[in-house]
PDB file of N, CA and C in Angstrom:
ATOM      1  N   MET A   1      -3.767   7.291   4.504  1.00  0.00           N
ATOM      2  CA  MET A   1      -3.050   6.147   4.893  1.00  0.00           C
ATOM      3  C   MET A   1      -1.594   6.536   5.154  1.00  0.00           C
ATOM      4  N   LYS A   2      -1.061   6.080   6.315  1.00  0.00           N
ATOM      5  CA  LYS A   2       0.257   6.417   6.664  1.00  0.00           C
ATOM      6  C   LYS A   2       1.230   5.601   5.810  1.00  0.00           C
ATOM      7  N   GLN A   3       2.432   6.171   5.618  1.00  0.00           N
ATOM      8  CA  GLN A   3       3.454   5.472   4.883  1.00  0.00           C
ATOM      9  C   GLN A   3       4.487   4.943   5.823  1.00  0.00           C
ATOM     10  N   LEU A   4       5.043   3.814   5.429  1.00  0.00           N
ATOM     11  CA  LEU A   4       6.044   3.116   6.175  1.00  0.00           C
ATOM     12  C   LEU A   4       7.236   2.776   5.299  1.00  0.00           C
ATOM     13  N   HIS A   5       8.440   3.097   5.701  1.00  0.00           N
ATOM     14  CA  HIS A   5       9.633   2.894   4.894  1.00  0.00           C
ATOM     15  C   HIS A   5      10.404   1.635   5.413  1.00  0.00           C
ATOM     16  N   LEU A   6      10.927   0.853   4.409  1.00  0.00           N
ATOM     17  CA  LEU A   6      11.815  -0.259   4.818  1.00  0.00           C
ATOM     18  C   LEU A   6      13.266   0.247   4.851  1.00  0.00           C
ATOM     19  N   HIS A   7      14.109  -0.433   5.589  1.00  0.00           N
ATOM     20  CA  HIS A   7      15.600  -0.211   5.520  1.00  0.00           C
ATOM     21  C   HIS A   7      16.073  -0.509   4.103  1.00  0.00           C
ATOM     22  N   PRO A   8      17.151   0.100   3.741  1.00  0.00           N
ATOM     23  CA  PRO A   8      17.822  -0.091   2.410  1.00  0.00           C
ATOM     24  C   PRO A   8      18.061  -1.571   2.269  1.00  0.00           C
ATOM     25  N   GLY A   9      17.710  -2.109   1.110  1.00  0.00           N
ATOM     26  CA  GLY A   9      17.979  -3.530   0.779  1.00  0.00           C
ATOM     27  C   GLY A   9      16.989  -4.507   1.376  1.00  0.00           C
ATOM     28  N   ARG A  10      16.008  -4.096   2.148  1.00  0.00           N
ATOM     29  CA  ARG A  10      15.097  -4.986   2.725  1.00  0.00           C
ATOM     30  C   ARG A  10      13.867  -5.134   2.001  1.00  0.00           C
ATOM     31  N   ASP A  11      13.744  -4.738   0.762  1.00  0.00           N
ATOM     32  CA  ASP A  11      12.665  -4.864  -0.153  1.00  0.00           C
ATOM     33  C   ASP A  11      12.706  -6.090  -1.026  1.00  0.00           C
ATOM     34  N   ARG A  12      13.815  -6.820  -1.061  1.00  0.00           N
ATOM     35  CA  ARG A  12      14.014  -7.927  -1.981  1.00  0.00           C
ATOM     36  C   ARG A  12      12.919  -8.968  -1.850  1.00  0.00           C
ATOM     37  N   ARG A  13      12.636  -9.416  -0.630  1.00  0.00           N
ATOM     38  CA  ARG A  13      11.636 -10.521  -0.454  1.00  0.00           C
ATOM     39  C   ARG A  13      10.304 -10.013  -1.026  1.00  0.00           C
ATOM     40  N   ILE A  14       9.871  -8.890  -0.730  1.00  0.00           N
ATOM     41  CA  ILE A  14       8.526  -8.431  -1.202  1.00  0.00           C
ATOM     42  C   ILE A  14       8.552  -8.335  -2.751  1.00  0.00           C
ATOM     43  N   LEU A  15       9.630  -7.900  -3.272  1.00  0.00           N
ATOM     44  CA  LEU A  15       9.747  -7.806  -4.799  1.00  0.00           C
ATOM     45  C   LEU A  15       9.723  -9.229  -5.438  1.00  0.00           C
ATOM     46  N   GLN A  16      10.127 -10.234  -4.597  1.00  0.00           N
ATOM     47  CA  GLN A  16      10.086 -11.615  -5.134  1.00  0.00           C
ATOM     48  C   GLN A  16       8.803 -12.296  -4.847  1.00  0.00           C
ATOM     49  N   GLY A  17       7.806 -11.565  -4.277  1.00  0.00           N
ATOM     50  CA  GLY A  17       6.505 -12.092  -4.100  1.00  0.00           C
ATOM     51  C   GLY A  17       6.022 -12.365  -2.727  1.00  0.00           C
ATOM     52  N   HIS A  18       6.899 -12.163  -1.776  1.00  0.00           N
ATOM     53  CA  HIS A  18       6.405 -12.354  -0.362  1.00  0.00           C
ATOM     54  C   HIS A  18       5.446 -11.269   0.009  1.00  0.00           C
ATOM     55  N   ARG A  19       4.516 -11.479   0.858  1.00  0.00           N
ATOM     56  CA  ARG A  19       3.386 -10.562   1.177  1.00  0.00           C
ATOM     57  C   ARG A  19       3.493 -10.050   2.604  1.00  0.00           C
ATOM     58  N   TRP A  20       4.627 -10.035   3.137  1.00  0.00           N
ATOM     59  CA  TRP A  20       4.778  -9.510   4.538  1.00  0.00           C
ATOM     60  C   TRP A  20       6.105  -8.788   4.744  1.00  0.00           C
ATOM     61  N   ALA A  21       6.151  -7.931   5.722  1.00  0.00           N
ATOM     62  CA  ALA A  21       7.434  -7.305   6.143  1.00  0.00           C
ATOM     63  C   ALA A  21       7.612  -7.534   7.623  1.00  0.00           C
ATOM     64  N   PHE A  22       8.851  -8.003   7.948  1.00  0.00           N
ATOM     65  CA  PHE A  22       9.122  -8.262   9.317  1.00  0.00           C
ATOM     66  C   PHE A  22       9.473  -6.961  10.033  1.00  0.00           C
ATOM     67  N   SER A  23       9.331  -6.922  11.339  1.00  0.00           N
ATOM     68  CA  SER A  23       9.533  -5.666  12.180  1.00  0.00           C
ATOM     69  C   SER A  23      10.998  -5.163  12.001  1.00  0.00           C
ATOM     70  N   ASN A  24      11.896  -6.063  11.846  1.00  0.00           N
ATOM     71  CA  ASN A  24      13.397  -5.615  11.790  1.00  0.00           C
ATOM     72  C   ASN A  24      13.686  -5.042  10.387  1.00  0.00           C
ATOM     73  N   GLU A  25      12.782  -5.096   9.446  1.00  0.00           N
ATOM     74  CA  GLU A  25      12.977  -4.569   8.114  1.00  0.00           C
ATOM     75  C   GLU A  25      12.482  -3.180   8.032  1.00  0.00           C
ATOM     76  N   ILE A  26      11.738  -2.678   9.011  1.00  0.00           N
ATOM     77  CA  ILE A  26      11.048  -1.386   8.998  1.00  0.00           C
ATOM     78  C   ILE A  26      11.929  -0.355   9.549  1.00  0.00           C
ATOM     79  N   ALA A  27      12.136   0.706   8.788  1.00  0.00           N
ATOM     80  CA  ALA A  27      12.989   1.823   9.211  1.00  0.00           C
ATOM     81  C   ALA A  27      12.276   2.838  10.163  1.00  0.00           C
ATOM     82  N   ASP A  28      11.004   2.998  10.007  1.00  0.00           N
ATOM     83  CA  ASP A  28      10.237   3.897  10.822  1.00  0.00           C
ATOM     84  C   ASP A  28       9.967   3.304  12.202  1.00  0.00           C
ATOM     85  N   PRO A  29       9.853   4.130  13.221  1.00  0.00           N
ATOM     86  CA  PRO A  29       9.544   3.632  14.550  1.00  0.00           C
ATOM     87  C   PRO A  29       8.137   2.963  14.585  1.00  0.00           C
ATOM     88  N   LEU A  30       8.070   1.762  15.014  1.00  0.00           N
ATOM     89  CA  LEU A  30       6.811   1.028  15.002  1.00  0.00           C
ATOM     90  C   LEU A  30       5.795   1.605  15.978  1.00  0.00           C
ATOM     91  N   SER A  31       6.268   2.337  16.969  1.00  0.00           N
ATOM     92  CA  SER A  31       5.327   3.003  17.922  1.00  0.00           C
ATOM     93  C   SER A  31       4.533   4.128  17.309  1.00  0.00           C
ATOM     94  N   ASP A  32       4.931   4.520  16.066  1.00  0.00           N
ATOM     95  CA  ASP A  32       4.214   5.551  15.356  1.00  0.00           C
ATOM     96  C   ASP A  32       2.932   5.016  14.752  1.00  0.00           C
ATOM     97  N   PHE A  33       2.698   3.680  14.769  1.00  0.00           N
ATOM     98  CA  PHE A  33       1.507   3.078  14.098  1.00  0.00           C
ATOM     99  C   PHE A  33       0.548   2.338  15.029  1.00  0.00           C
ATOM    100  N   GLU A  34      -0.704   2.488  14.775  1.00  0.00           N
ATOM    101  CA  GLU A  34      -1.747   1.835  15.583  1.00  0.00           C
ATOM    102  C   GLU A  34      -1.928   0.462  15.060  1.00  0.00           C
ATOM    103  N   PRO A  35      -2.091  -0.513  15.932  1.00  0.00           N
ATOM    104  CA  PRO A  35      -2.258  -1.931  15.489  1.00  0.00           C
ATOM    105  C   PRO A  35      -3.555  -1.993  14.640  1.00  0.00           C
ATOM    106  N   GLY A  36      -3.441  -2.711  13.529  1.00  0.00           N
ATOM    107  CA  GLY A  36      -4.597  -2.921  12.643  1.00  0.00           C
ATOM    108  C   GLY A  36      -4.823  -1.793  11.619  1.00  0.00           C
ATOM    109  N   SER A  37      -4.018  -0.715  11.685  1.00  0.00           N
ATOM    110  CA  SER A  37      -4.222   0.372  10.725  1.00  0.00           C
ATOM    111  C   SER A  37      -3.562   0.018   9.404  1.00  0.00           C
ATOM    112  N   TRP A  38      -4.120   0.691   8.352  1.00  0.00           N
ATOM    113  CA  TRP A  38      -3.502   0.428   7.031  1.00  0.00           C
ATOM    114  C   TRP A  38      -2.315   1.299   6.776  1.00  0.00           C
ATOM    115  N   VAL A  39      -1.353   0.737   6.056  1.00  0.00           N
ATOM    116  CA  VAL A  39      -0.113   1.451   5.862  1.00  0.00           C
ATOM    117  C   VAL A  39       0.240   1.128   4.289  1.00  0.00           C
ATOM    118  N   GLU A  40       0.921   2.098   3.710  1.00  0.00           N
ATOM    119  CA  GLU A  40       1.530   1.901   2.407  1.00  0.00           C
ATOM    120  C   GLU A  40       3.062   1.635   2.685  1.00  0.00           C
ATOM    121  N   VAL A  41       3.496   0.528   2.171  1.00  0.00           N
ATOM    122  CA  VAL A  41       4.907   0.075   2.387  1.00  0.00           C
ATOM    123  C   VAL A  41       5.756   0.648   1.225  1.00  0.00           C
ATOM    124  N   LEU A  42       6.857   1.343   1.636  1.00  0.00           N
ATOM    125  CA  LEU A  42       7.727   1.978   0.697  1.00  0.00           C
ATOM    126  C   LEU A  42       9.135   1.443   0.814  1.00  0.00           C
ATOM    127  N   THR A  43       9.839   1.430  -0.304  1.00  0.00           N
ATOM    128  CA  THR A  43      11.292   1.081  -0.158  1.00  0.00           C
ATOM    129  C   THR A  43      11.990   2.246   0.491  1.00  0.00           C
ATOM    130  N   ALA A  44      13.212   2.059   0.732  1.00  0.00           N
ATOM    131  CA  ALA A  44      14.024   3.174   1.370  1.00  0.00           C
ATOM    132  C   ALA A  44      14.106   4.429   0.419  1.00  0.00           C
ATOM    133  N   ARG A  45      13.947   4.172  -0.880  1.00  0.00           N
ATOM    134  CA  ARG A  45      13.941   5.266  -1.816  1.00  0.00           C
ATOM    135  C   ARG A  45      12.593   5.852  -2.085  1.00  0.00           C
ATOM    136  N   GLY A  46      11.534   5.291  -1.465  1.00  0.00           N
ATOM    137  CA  GLY A  46      10.191   5.859  -1.600  1.00  0.00           C
ATOM    138  C   GLY A  46       9.294   5.242  -2.614  1.00  0.00           C
ATOM    139  N   VAL A  47       9.654   4.051  -3.158  1.00  0.00           N
ATOM    140  CA  VAL A  47       8.979   3.388  -4.230  1.00  0.00           C
ATOM    141  C   VAL A  47       7.877   2.549  -3.473  1.00  0.00           C
ATOM    142  N   SER A  48       6.629   2.661  -3.883  1.00  0.00           N
ATOM    143  CA  SER A  48       5.615   1.873  -3.230  1.00  0.00           C
ATOM    144  C   SER A  48       5.670   0.446  -3.552  1.00  0.00           C
ATOM    145  N   LEU A  49       5.510  -0.412  -2.558  1.00  0.00           N
ATOM    146  CA  LEU A  49       5.476  -1.939  -2.740  1.00  0.00           C
ATOM    147  C   LEU A  49       4.105  -2.451  -2.515  1.00  0.00           C
ATOM    148  N   GLY A  50       3.132  -1.663  -2.119  1.00  0.00           N
ATOM    149  CA  GLY A  50       1.783  -2.018  -1.861  1.00  0.00           C
ATOM    150  C   GLY A  50       1.362  -1.578  -0.524  1.00  0.00           C
ATOM    151  N   SER A  51       0.115  -1.993  -0.109  1.00  0.00           N
ATOM    152  CA  SER A  51      -0.438  -1.558   1.152  1.00  0.00           C
ATOM    153  C   SER A  51      -0.969  -2.777   1.886  1.00  0.00           C
ATOM    154  N   GLY A  52      -1.045  -2.611   3.212  1.00  0.00           N
ATOM    155  CA  GLY A  52      -1.554  -3.736   4.048  1.00  0.00           C
ATOM    156  C   GLY A  52      -1.801  -3.168   5.404  1.00  0.00           C
ATOM    157  N   TYR A  53      -1.950  -4.092   6.389  1.00  0.00           N
ATOM    158  CA  TYR A  53      -2.246  -3.685   7.703  1.00  0.00           C
ATOM    159  C   TYR A  53      -1.132  -4.023   8.592  1.00  0.00           C
ATOM    160  N   ILE A  54      -0.956  -3.298   9.697  1.00  0.00           N
ATOM    161  CA  ILE A  54       0.230  -3.410  10.551  1.00  0.00           C
ATOM    162  C   ILE A  54      -0.147  -3.876  11.925  1.00  0.00           C
ATOM    163  N   ASN A  55       0.744  -4.628  12.526  1.00  0.00           N
ATOM    164  CA  ASN A  55       0.728  -5.027  13.941  1.00  0.00           C
ATOM    165  C   ASN A  55       2.115  -4.790  14.544  1.00  0.00           C
ATOM    166  N   PRO A  56       2.339  -3.614  15.133  1.00  0.00           N
ATOM    167  CA  PRO A  56       3.636  -3.298  15.620  1.00  0.00           C
ATOM    168  C   PRO A  56       4.210  -4.214  16.745  1.00  0.00           C
ATOM    169  N   ALA A  57       3.350  -5.005  17.348  1.00  0.00           N
ATOM    170  CA  ALA A  57       3.826  -5.948  18.389  1.00  0.00           C
ATOM    171  C   ALA A  57       4.235  -7.300  17.893  1.00  0.00           C
ATOM    172  N   SER A  58       4.101  -7.494  16.538  1.00  0.00           N
ATOM    173  CA  SER A  58       4.398  -8.828  15.995  1.00  0.00           C
ATOM    174  C   SER A  58       5.706  -8.862  15.173  1.00  0.00           C
ATOM    175  N   LEU A  59       6.388  -9.977  15.129  1.00  0.00           N
ATOM    176  CA  LEU A  59       7.557 -10.131  14.231  1.00  0.00           C
ATOM    177  C   LEU A  59       7.176  -9.888  12.767  1.00  0.00           C
ATOM    178  N   ILE A  60       6.041 -10.456  12.375  1.00  0.00           N
ATOM    179  CA  ILE A  60       5.502 -10.135  11.020  1.00  0.00           C
ATOM    180  C   ILE A  60       4.681  -8.894  11.178  1.00  0.00           C
ATOM    181  N   ALA A  61       5.266  -7.724  10.989  1.00  0.00           N
ATOM    182  CA  ALA A  61       4.633  -6.442  11.288  1.00  0.00           C
ATOM    183  C   ALA A  61       3.638  -5.947  10.304  1.00  0.00           C
ATOM    184  N   VAL A  62       3.820  -6.274   9.043  1.00  0.00           N
ATOM    185  CA  VAL A  62       2.875  -5.820   8.000  1.00  0.00           C
ATOM    186  C   VAL A  62       2.537  -7.039   7.114  1.00  0.00           C
ATOM    187  N   ARG A  63       1.266  -7.176   6.842  1.00  0.00           N
ATOM    188  CA  ARG A  63       0.766  -8.166   5.877  1.00  0.00           C
ATOM    189  C   ARG A  63       0.253  -7.374   4.678  1.00  0.00           C
ATOM    190  N   LEU A  64       0.855  -7.467   3.556  1.00  0.00           N
ATOM    191  CA  LEU A  64       0.468  -6.789   2.356  1.00  0.00           C
ATOM    192  C   LEU A  64      -0.748  -7.444   1.741  1.00  0.00           C
ATOM    193  N   VAL A  65      -1.750  -6.656   1.398  1.00  0.00           N
ATOM    194  CA  VAL A  65      -3.049  -7.206   0.793  1.00  0.00           C
ATOM    195  C   VAL A  65      -3.310  -6.595  -0.602  1.00  0.00           C
ATOM    196  N   SER A  66      -2.714  -5.553  -0.948  1.00  0.00           N
ATOM    197  CA  SER A  66      -2.989  -4.922  -2.247  1.00  0.00           C
ATOM    198  C   SER A  66      -1.668  -4.435  -2.845  1.00  0.00           C
ATOM    199  N   PRO A  67      -1.633  -4.470  -4.204  1.00  0.00           N
ATOM    200  CA  PRO A  67      -0.404  -3.979  -4.900  1.00  0.00           C
ATOM    201  C   PRO A  67      -0.292  -2.481  -4.905  1.00  0.00           C
ATOM    202  N   PRO A  68       0.894  -2.006  -5.311  1.00  0.00           N
ATOM    203  CA  PRO A  68       1.037  -0.604  -5.444  1.00  0.00           C
ATOM    204  C   PRO A  68      -0.088   0.086  -6.345  1.00  0.00           C
ATOM    205  N   GLY A  69      -0.557   1.207  -5.851  1.00  0.00           N
ATOM    206  CA  GLY A  69      -1.596   1.966  -6.562  1.00  0.00           C
ATOM    207  C   GLY A  69      -3.041   1.499  -6.350  1.00  0.00           C
ATOM    208  N   GLN A  70      -3.264   0.383  -5.692  1.00  0.00           N
ATOM    209  CA  GLN A  70      -4.617  -0.093  -5.348  1.00  0.00           C
ATOM    210  C   GLN A  70      -4.816   0.055  -3.870  1.00  0.00           C
ATOM    211  N   LYS A  71      -5.811   0.835  -3.523  1.00  0.00           N
ATOM    212  CA  LYS A  71      -6.121   1.097  -2.107  1.00  0.00           C
ATOM    213  C   LYS A  71      -7.214   0.074  -1.645  1.00  0.00           C
ATOM    214  N   PRO A  72      -7.052  -0.410  -0.417  1.00  0.00           N
ATOM    215  CA  PRO A  72      -7.973  -1.432   0.014  1.00  0.00           C
ATOM    216  C   PRO A  72      -9.265  -0.746   0.621  1.00  0.00           C
ATOM    217  N   ASP A  73     -10.194  -0.410  -0.265  1.00  0.00           N
ATOM    218  CA  ASP A  73     -11.440   0.234   0.090  1.00  0.00           C
ATOM    219  C   ASP A  73     -12.466  -0.880   0.316  1.00  0.00           C
ATOM    220  N   GLU A  74     -13.695  -0.446   0.568  1.00  0.00           N
ATOM    221  CA  GLU A  74     -14.834  -1.479   0.871  1.00  0.00           C
ATOM    222  C   GLU A  74     -15.054  -2.429  -0.338  1.00  0.00           C
ATOM    223  N   ASP A  75     -14.956  -1.863  -1.560  1.00  0.00           N
ATOM    224  CA  ASP A  75     -15.182  -2.784  -2.722  1.00  0.00           C
ATOM    225  C   ASP A  75     -14.038  -3.769  -2.928  1.00  0.00           C
ATOM    226  N   PHE A  76     -12.853  -3.427  -2.452  1.00  0.00           N
ATOM    227  CA  PHE A  76     -11.721  -4.368  -2.517  1.00  0.00           C
ATOM    228  C   PHE A  76     -12.029  -5.672  -1.807  1.00  0.00           C
ATOM    229  N   PHE A  77     -12.658  -5.590  -0.731  1.00  0.00           N
ATOM    230  CA  PHE A  77     -13.050  -6.741   0.095  1.00  0.00           C
ATOM    231  C   PHE A  77     -14.352  -7.398  -0.292  1.00  0.00           C
ATOM    232  N   ARG A  78     -15.301  -6.578  -0.774  1.00  0.00           N
ATOM    233  CA  ARG A  78     -16.587  -7.085  -1.089  1.00  0.00           C
ATOM    234  C   ARG A  78     -16.609  -8.002  -2.385  1.00  0.00           C
ATOM    235  N   VAL A  79     -15.924  -7.553  -3.426  1.00  0.00           N
ATOM    236  CA  VAL A  79     -15.955  -8.291  -4.695  1.00  0.00           C
ATOM    237  C   VAL A  79     -15.500  -9.732  -4.550  1.00  0.00           C
ATOM    238  N   PRO A  80     -14.285  -9.988  -3.994  1.00  0.00           N
ATOM    239  CA  PRO A  80     -13.880 -11.357  -3.821  1.00  0.00           C
ATOM    240  C   PRO A  80     -14.818 -12.271  -2.995  1.00  0.00           C
ATOM    241  N   THR A  81     -15.328 -11.725  -1.928  1.00  0.00           N
ATOM    242  CA  THR A  81     -16.201 -12.523  -1.107  1.00  0.00           C
ATOM    243  C   THR A  81     -17.553 -12.754  -1.655  1.00  0.00           C
ATOM    244  N   GLU A  82     -18.013 -11.864  -2.500  1.00  0.00           N
ATOM    245  CA  GLU A  82     -19.380 -12.064  -3.118  1.00  0.00           C
ATOM    246  C   GLU A  82     -19.272 -13.120  -4.183  1.00  0.00           C
ATOM    247  N   THR A  83     -18.109 -13.335  -4.798  1.00  0.00           N
ATOM    248  CA  THR A  83     -17.986 -14.311  -5.878  1.00  0.00           C
ATOM    249  C   THR A  83     -17.757 -15.685  -5.347  1.00  0.00           C
ATOM    250  N   ILE A  84     -17.496 -15.902  -4.090  1.00  0.00           N
ATOM    251  CA  ILE A  84     -17.262 -17.201  -3.512  1.00  0.00           C
ATOM    252  C   ILE A  84     -18.606 -17.844  -3.116  1.00  0.00           C
ATOM    253  N   GLU A  85     -18.821 -19.069  -3.553  1.00  0.00           N
ATOM    254  CA  GLU A  85     -19.991 -19.766  -3.151  1.00  0.00           C
ATOM    255  C   GLU A  85     -19.845 -20.197  -1.736  1.00  0.00           C
ATOM    256  N   LEU A  86     -20.647 -19.658  -0.824  1.00  0.00           N
ATOM    257  CA  LEU A  86     -20.439 -20.100   0.597  1.00  0.00           C
ATOM    258  C   LEU A  86     -21.240 -21.348   0.912  1.00  0.00           C
ATOM    259  N   GLY A  87     -20.780 -22.077   1.938  1.00  0.00           N
ATOM    260  CA  GLY A  87     -21.469 -23.269   2.345  1.00  0.00           C
ATOM    261  C   GLY A  87     -20.601 -24.509   2.166  1.00  0.00           C
ATOM    262  N   PRO A  88     -20.782 -25.408   3.007  1.00  0.00           N
ATOM    263  CA  PRO A  88     -20.001 -26.750   2.874  1.00  0.00           C
ATOM    264  C   PRO A  88     -20.525 -27.585   1.731  1.00  0.00           C
ATOM    265  N   ASP A  89     -19.597 -28.524   1.345  1.00  0.00           N
ATOM    266  CA  ASP A  89     -19.956 -29.489   0.319  1.00  0.00           C
ATOM    267  C   ASP A  89     -20.655 -30.712   1.054  1.00  0.00           C
ATOM    268  N   GLU A  90     -20.869 -31.712   0.277  1.00  0.00           N
ATOM    269  CA  GLU A  90     -21.601 -32.887   0.870  1.00  0.00           C
ATOM    270  C   GLU A  90     -20.911 -33.534   2.114  1.00  0.00           C
ATOM    271  N   GLN A  91     -19.596 -33.368   2.181  1.00  0.00           N
ATOM    272  CA  GLN A  91     -18.856 -33.950   3.280  1.00  0.00           C
ATOM    273  C   GLN A  91     -18.712 -32.925   4.440  1.00  0.00           C
ATOM    274  N   GLY A  92     -19.252 -31.790   4.238  1.00  0.00           N
ATOM    275  CA  GLY A  92     -19.129 -30.783   5.302  1.00  0.00           C
ATOM    276  C   GLY A  92     -17.929 -29.905   5.300  1.00  0.00           C
ATOM    277  N   ASN A  93     -17.139 -29.990   4.175  1.00  0.00           N
ATOM    278  CA  ASN A  93     -15.882 -29.222   4.073  1.00  0.00           C
ATOM    279  C   ASN A  93     -16.202 -27.878   3.395  1.00  0.00           C
ATOM    280  N   ALA A  94     -15.479 -26.874   3.884  1.00  0.00           N
ATOM    281  CA  ALA A  94     -15.607 -25.492   3.243  1.00  0.00           C
ATOM    282  C   ALA A  94     -15.044 -25.596   1.863  1.00  0.00           C
ATOM    283  N   PRO A  95     -15.513 -24.763   0.916  1.00  0.00           N
ATOM    284  CA  PRO A  95     -14.866 -24.709  -0.442  1.00  0.00           C
ATOM    285  C   PRO A  95     -13.405 -24.387  -0.318  1.00  0.00           C
ATOM    286  N   GLU A  96     -12.601 -25.006  -1.240  1.00  0.00           N
ATOM    287  CA  GLU A  96     -11.156 -24.820  -1.307  1.00  0.00           C
ATOM    288  C   GLU A  96     -10.758 -23.408  -1.210  1.00  0.00           C
ATOM    289  N   GLY A  97     -11.369 -22.512  -2.014  1.00  0.00           N
ATOM    290  CA  GLY A  97     -10.985 -21.119  -2.059  1.00  0.00           C
ATOM    291  C   GLY A  97     -11.147 -20.373  -0.726  1.00  0.00           C
ATOM    292  N   ILE A  98     -12.108 -20.776   0.023  1.00  0.00           N
ATOM    293  CA  ILE A  98     -12.279 -20.136   1.351  1.00  0.00           C
ATOM    294  C   ILE A  98     -11.231 -20.556   2.308  1.00  0.00           C
ATOM    295  N   GLN A  99     -10.784 -21.836   2.245  1.00  0.00           N
ATOM    296  CA  GLN A  99      -9.727 -22.310   3.112  1.00  0.00           C
ATOM    297  C   GLN A  99      -8.461 -21.536   2.827  1.00  0.00           C
ATOM    298  N   ARG A 100      -8.149 -21.322   1.567  1.00  0.00           N
ATOM    299  CA  ARG A 100      -6.910 -20.614   1.254  1.00  0.00           C
ATOM    300  C   ARG A 100      -7.021 -19.147   1.743  1.00  0.00           C
ATOM    301  N   VAL A 101      -8.073 -18.508   1.569  1.00  0.00           N
ATOM    302  CA  VAL A 101      -8.242 -17.127   2.024  1.00  0.00           C
ATOM    303  C   VAL A 101      -8.096 -17.079   3.553  1.00  0.00           C
ATOM    304  N   LEU A 102      -8.637 -17.958   4.268  1.00  0.00           N
ATOM    305  CA  LEU A 102      -8.519 -17.999   5.708  1.00  0.00           C
ATOM    306  C   LEU A 102      -7.035 -18.253   6.181  1.00  0.00           C
ATOM    307  N   ARG A 103      -6.410 -19.150   5.508  1.00  0.00           N
ATOM    308  CA  ARG A 103      -4.970 -19.439   5.856  1.00  0.00           C
ATOM    309  C   ARG A 103      -4.153 -18.198   5.564  1.00  0.00           C
ATOM    310  N   PHE A 104      -4.378 -17.479   4.495  1.00  0.00           N
ATOM    311  CA  PHE A 104      -3.558 -16.304   4.128  1.00  0.00           C
ATOM    312  C   PHE A 104      -3.792 -15.227   5.150  1.00  0.00           C
ATOM    313  N   THR A 105      -5.055 -14.916   5.465  1.00  0.00           N
ATOM    314  CA  THR A 105      -5.343 -13.711   6.278  1.00  0.00           C
ATOM    315  C   THR A 105      -5.276 -14.044   7.791  1.00  0.00           C
ATOM    316  N   ALA A 106      -5.448 -15.234   8.149  1.00  0.00           N
ATOM    317  CA  ALA A 106      -5.444 -15.579   9.627  1.00  0.00           C
ATOM    318  C   ALA A 106      -4.152 -16.132  10.130  1.00  0.00           C
ATOM    319  N   GLY A 107      -3.224 -16.493   9.274  1.00  0.00           N
ATOM    320  CA  GLY A 107      -1.873 -16.871   9.650  1.00  0.00           C
ATOM    321  C   GLY A 107      -1.879 -17.947  10.730  1.00  0.00           C
ATOM    322  N   GLY A 108      -2.133 -19.091  10.336  1.00  0.00           N
ATOM    323  CA  GLY A 108      -2.103 -20.218  11.298  1.00  0.00           C
ATOM    324  C   GLY A 108      -3.399 -20.879  11.548  1.00  0.00           C
ATOM    325  N   LEU A 109      -4.475 -20.333  11.046  1.00  0.00           N
ATOM    326  CA  LEU A 109      -5.818 -20.883  11.232  1.00  0.00           C
ATOM    327  C   LEU A 109      -5.891 -22.123  10.410  1.00  0.00           C
ATOM    328  N   GLU A 110      -6.166 -23.282  11.066  1.00  0.00           N
ATOM    329  CA  GLU A 110      -6.256 -24.588  10.318  1.00  0.00           C
ATOM    330  C   GLU A 110      -7.608 -24.955  10.064  1.00  0.00           C
ATOM    331  N   ASP A 111      -7.770 -26.049   9.169  1.00  0.00           N
ATOM    332  CA  ASP A 111      -9.037 -26.513   8.760  1.00  0.00           C
ATOM    333  C   ASP A 111      -9.831 -26.997   9.996  1.00  0.00           C
TER     334      ASP A 111
END
């Protein structure tokens, strides 16, 4: 997994719980990264903030999905989805947990 460094002082939002990094916060050339590839996000001093996937063409360049030290392998994605009861309720609505996951990962996908 490639590493990506933030500019000095640009780690505050992530340390406060935000799960993305904007393109102007990234110190490394975005052209060095393939869209959709996994990256480990580091502070300017090299401290890991977690890992996620990158889209160098977007203002929100990285969406963090796992904390420092946890790599997003196949089991990382399988366990949460296997525990969700799939299927609509009596009114045809998807379970609340699924709606939240879709909103988080799809960025703008509505009900």
